[in-house]
Amino acid sequence: MLVASEARTWATLMTAVGNFLFHWSNLELQLRTATEGLSENGTTRSGGLRGPFETRLNVWANLARETPRTEFAGLIDEVCGQALNLKKARNLIVHGLKEGASGNSDDDTFIICAEGGYDNPTGETVRYSLAELKHLTQAIDACRRALVDLRYFNYRL
């Protein structure tokens, strides 16, 4: 049986996983919105916004590089790099969430994810503490904000 402080920490861990996923969904939605906003008549030259995340991110990046505000060219690459790194964590959590544990602090409360997910497990695992989940979620939100306006990119992994 969980004591009250452990129950709160377990609930906090579950909330953090949910926040991570919710913020990821917001990033995906903003990627579509931003790309449509940069393209002519809301359609992209590639015929739409389908395909893997990396492909859709590249479409946005190419359109963003064509805008007159070239002083942000370096930020575009930085946002893309961070978003692709975050996608790795997202895939681990979505496809390989295996277990979790609550502790007395953000560092000893964690989830464990299976590398390769359940379809192609490698036997290796990755551990994300509650503190790391919060950090990753803030980094996702920074990428989402950058898709709104590159000046809003203010949190890095």
Protein backbone atom coordinates (compact mmCIF):
# COMPACT_ATOMS: atom_id res chain seq x y z
CA MET A 1 0.00 0.00 0.00
CA LEU A 2 1.24 3.48 -0.86
CA VAL A 3 1.58 6.08 1.83
CA ALA A 4 0.11 9.51 1.14
CA SER A 5 3.38 11.12 -0.02
CA GLU A 6 4.15 8.20 -2.36
CA ALA A 7 0.63 8.30 -3.78
CA ARG A 8 1.02 12.00 -4.54
CA THR A 9 4.38 11.32 -6.18
CA TRP A 10 2.93 8.43 -8.24
CA ALA A 11 0.05 10.67 -9.35
CA THR A 12 2.58 13.39 -10.18
CA LEU A 13 4.56 10.90 -12.28
CA MET A 14 1.46 9.82 -14.20
CA THR A 15 0.55 13.48 -14.71
CA ALA A 16 4.05 14.21 -16.00
CA VAL A 17 3.80 11.40 -18.58
CA GLY A 18 0.40 12.75 -19.65
CA ASN A 19 1.76 16.30 -19.87
CA PHE A 20 4.67 15.08 -21.99
CA LEU A 21 2.28 13.38 -24.43
CA PHE A 22 -0.15 16.30 -24.47
CA HIS A 23 2.67 18.74 -25.23
CA TRP A 24 3.93 16.44 -27.99
CA SER A 25 0.46 16.46 -29.57
CA ASN A 26 0.44 20.26 -29.38
CA LEU A 27 3.83 20.33 -31.12
CA GLU A 28 2.48 18.12 -33.92
CA LEU A 29 -0.58 20.35 -34.31
CA GLN A 30 1.52 23.52 -34.32
CA LEU A 31 3.85 22.00 -36.93
CA ARG A 32 0.89 21.56 -39.26
CA THR A 33 -0.49 25.02 -38.50
CA ALA A 34 2.89 26.73 -38.95
CA THR A 35 3.64 24.92 -42.19
CA GLU A 36 0.25 25.75 -43.63
CA GLY A 37 0.76 29.37 -42.58
CA LEU A 38 4.09 29.58 -44.40
CA SER A 39 2.94 27.88 -47.59
CA GLU A 40 0.94 29.34 -50.41
CA ASN A 41 -2.81 28.93 -49.93
CA GLY A 42 -2.28 26.54 -47.03
CA THR A 43 -0.79 23.74 -49.13
CA THR A 44 2.83 22.74 -49.38
CA ARG A 45 4.83 22.11 -52.50
CA SER A 46 5.19 18.47 -51.47
CA GLY A 47 1.46 17.94 -51.89
CA GLY A 48 0.49 18.04 -48.24
CA LEU A 49 1.64 17.43 -44.75
CA ARG A 50 1.75 13.68 -44.56
CA GLY A 51 4.51 11.32 -43.67
CA PRO A 52 6.97 10.90 -40.85
CA PHE A 53 7.59 13.69 -38.36
CA GLU A 54 11.07 14.33 -39.76
CA THR A 55 9.68 14.84 -43.27
CA ARG A 56 7.02 17.27 -42.06
CA LEU A 57 9.59 19.12 -39.93
CA ASN A 58 11.86 19.46 -42.97
CA VAL A 59 8.97 20.91 -45.00
CA TRP A 60 8.43 23.54 -42.29
CA ALA A 61 12.17 24.28 -42.04
CA ASN A 62 12.52 24.76 -45.81
CA LEU A 63 9.52 27.08 -45.90
CA ALA A 64 10.77 28.99 -42.84
CA ARG A 65 14.18 29.51 -44.50
CA GLU A 66 12.43 31.22 -47.42
CA THR A 67 10.93 33.92 -45.24
CA PRO A 68 12.56 37.37 -45.28
CA ARG A 69 13.77 37.03 -41.65
CA THR A 70 17.08 35.35 -42.39
CA GLU A 71 18.54 36.32 -39.01
CA PHE A 72 16.74 33.25 -37.62
CA ALA A 73 18.30 30.73 -40.03
CA GLY A 74 20.50 29.22 -37.31
CA LEU A 75 17.55 28.89 -34.95
CA ILE A 76 15.63 26.86 -37.51
CA ASP A 77 18.34 24.19 -37.46
CA GLU A 78 18.46 24.31 -33.65
CA VAL A 79 14.68 23.86 -33.34
CA CYS A 80 14.75 20.96 -35.79
CA GLY A 81 17.62 19.27 -33.97
CA GLN A 82 15.91 19.59 -30.61
CA ALA A 83 12.57 18.38 -31.98
CA LEU A 84 14.21 15.30 -33.53
CA ASN A 85 15.99 14.49 -30.26
CA LEU A 86 12.69 14.83 -28.42
CA LYS A 87 11.04 12.50 -30.91
CA LYS A 88 13.38 9.74 -29.74
CA ALA A 89 12.15 10.18 -26.16
CA ARG A 90 8.56 10.36 -27.37
CA ASN A 91 8.92 7.09 -29.26
CA LEU A 92 10.47 5.38 -26.26
CA ILE A 93 7.68 6.53 -23.98
CA VAL A 94 4.81 5.81 -26.38
CA HIS A 95 6.06 2.44 -27.66
CA GLY A 96 8.08 1.11 -24.77
CA LEU A 97 6.70 2.38 -21.45
CA LYS A 98 7.39 -0.57 -19.21
CA GLU A 99 7.19 0.45 -15.56
CA GLY A 100 7.39 3.29 -13.11
CA ALA A 101 8.35 3.88 -9.52
CA SER A 102 7.58 6.62 -7.06
CA GLY A 103 10.08 7.91 -4.57
CA ASN A 104 10.67 10.81 -2.25
CA SER A 105 11.94 13.25 -4.88
CA ASP A 106 11.73 14.09 -8.57
CA ASP A 107 15.01 12.26 -9.16
CA ASP A 108 14.01 8.96 -7.56
CA THR A 109 10.55 8.92 -9.16
CA PHE A 110 10.90 7.53 -12.68
CA ILE A 111 9.60 5.52 -15.61
CA ILE A 112 11.48 2.82 -17.47
CA CYS A 113 11.04 2.32 -21.21
CA ALA A 114 12.10 -0.63 -23.36
CA GLU A 115 14.45 0.23 -26.25
CA GLY A 116 12.87 -0.93 -29.49
CA GLY A 117 9.44 -0.92 -27.90
CA TYR A 118 7.46 -4.11 -27.70
CA ASP A 119 7.68 -4.88 -31.43
CA ASN A 120 11.46 -5.06 -31.58
CA PRO A 121 12.87 -5.06 -28.03
CA THR A 122 16.64 -4.91 -27.67
CA GLY A 123 16.73 -5.89 -24.02
CA GLU A 124 18.02 -2.42 -23.13
CA THR A 125 16.02 0.10 -21.13
CA VAL A 126 15.99 3.87 -20.69
CA ARG A 127 15.06 5.52 -17.42
CA TYR A 128 13.44 8.96 -17.27
CA SER A 129 13.14 10.59 -13.87
CA LEU A 130 10.27 12.89 -13.03
CA ALA A 131 12.72 15.78 -13.24
CA GLU A 132 13.82 14.64 -16.72
CA LEU A 133 10.21 14.29 -17.88
CA LYS A 134 9.54 17.86 -16.78
CA HIS A 135 12.69 19.02 -18.60
CA LEU A 136 11.71 17.19 -21.80
CA THR A 137 8.19 18.63 -21.65
CA GLN A 138 9.55 22.18 -21.36
CA ALA A 139 11.83 21.48 -24.34
CA ILE A 140 8.87 20.24 -26.40
CA ASP A 141 6.94 23.39 -25.55
CA ALA A 142 9.90 25.54 -26.57
CA CYS A 143 9.88 23.86 -29.99
CA ARG A 144 6.13 24.40 -30.30
CA ARG A 145 6.54 28.08 -29.41
CA ALA A 146 9.33 28.40 -31.98
CA LEU A 147 6.92 27.20 -34.65
CA VAL A 148 4.71 30.14 -33.72
CA ASP A 149 7.64 32.59 -33.73
CA LEU A 150 11.32 31.67 -33.68
CA ARG A 151 11.97 34.39 -31.08
CA TYR A 152 10.00 32.25 -28.59
CA PHE A 153 12.55 29.42 -28.66
CA ASN A 154 14.06 29.84 -25.23
CA TYR A 155 14.56 26.39 -23.68
CA ARG A 156 17.18 23.93 -24.84
CA LEU A 157 17.95 20.35 -24.04
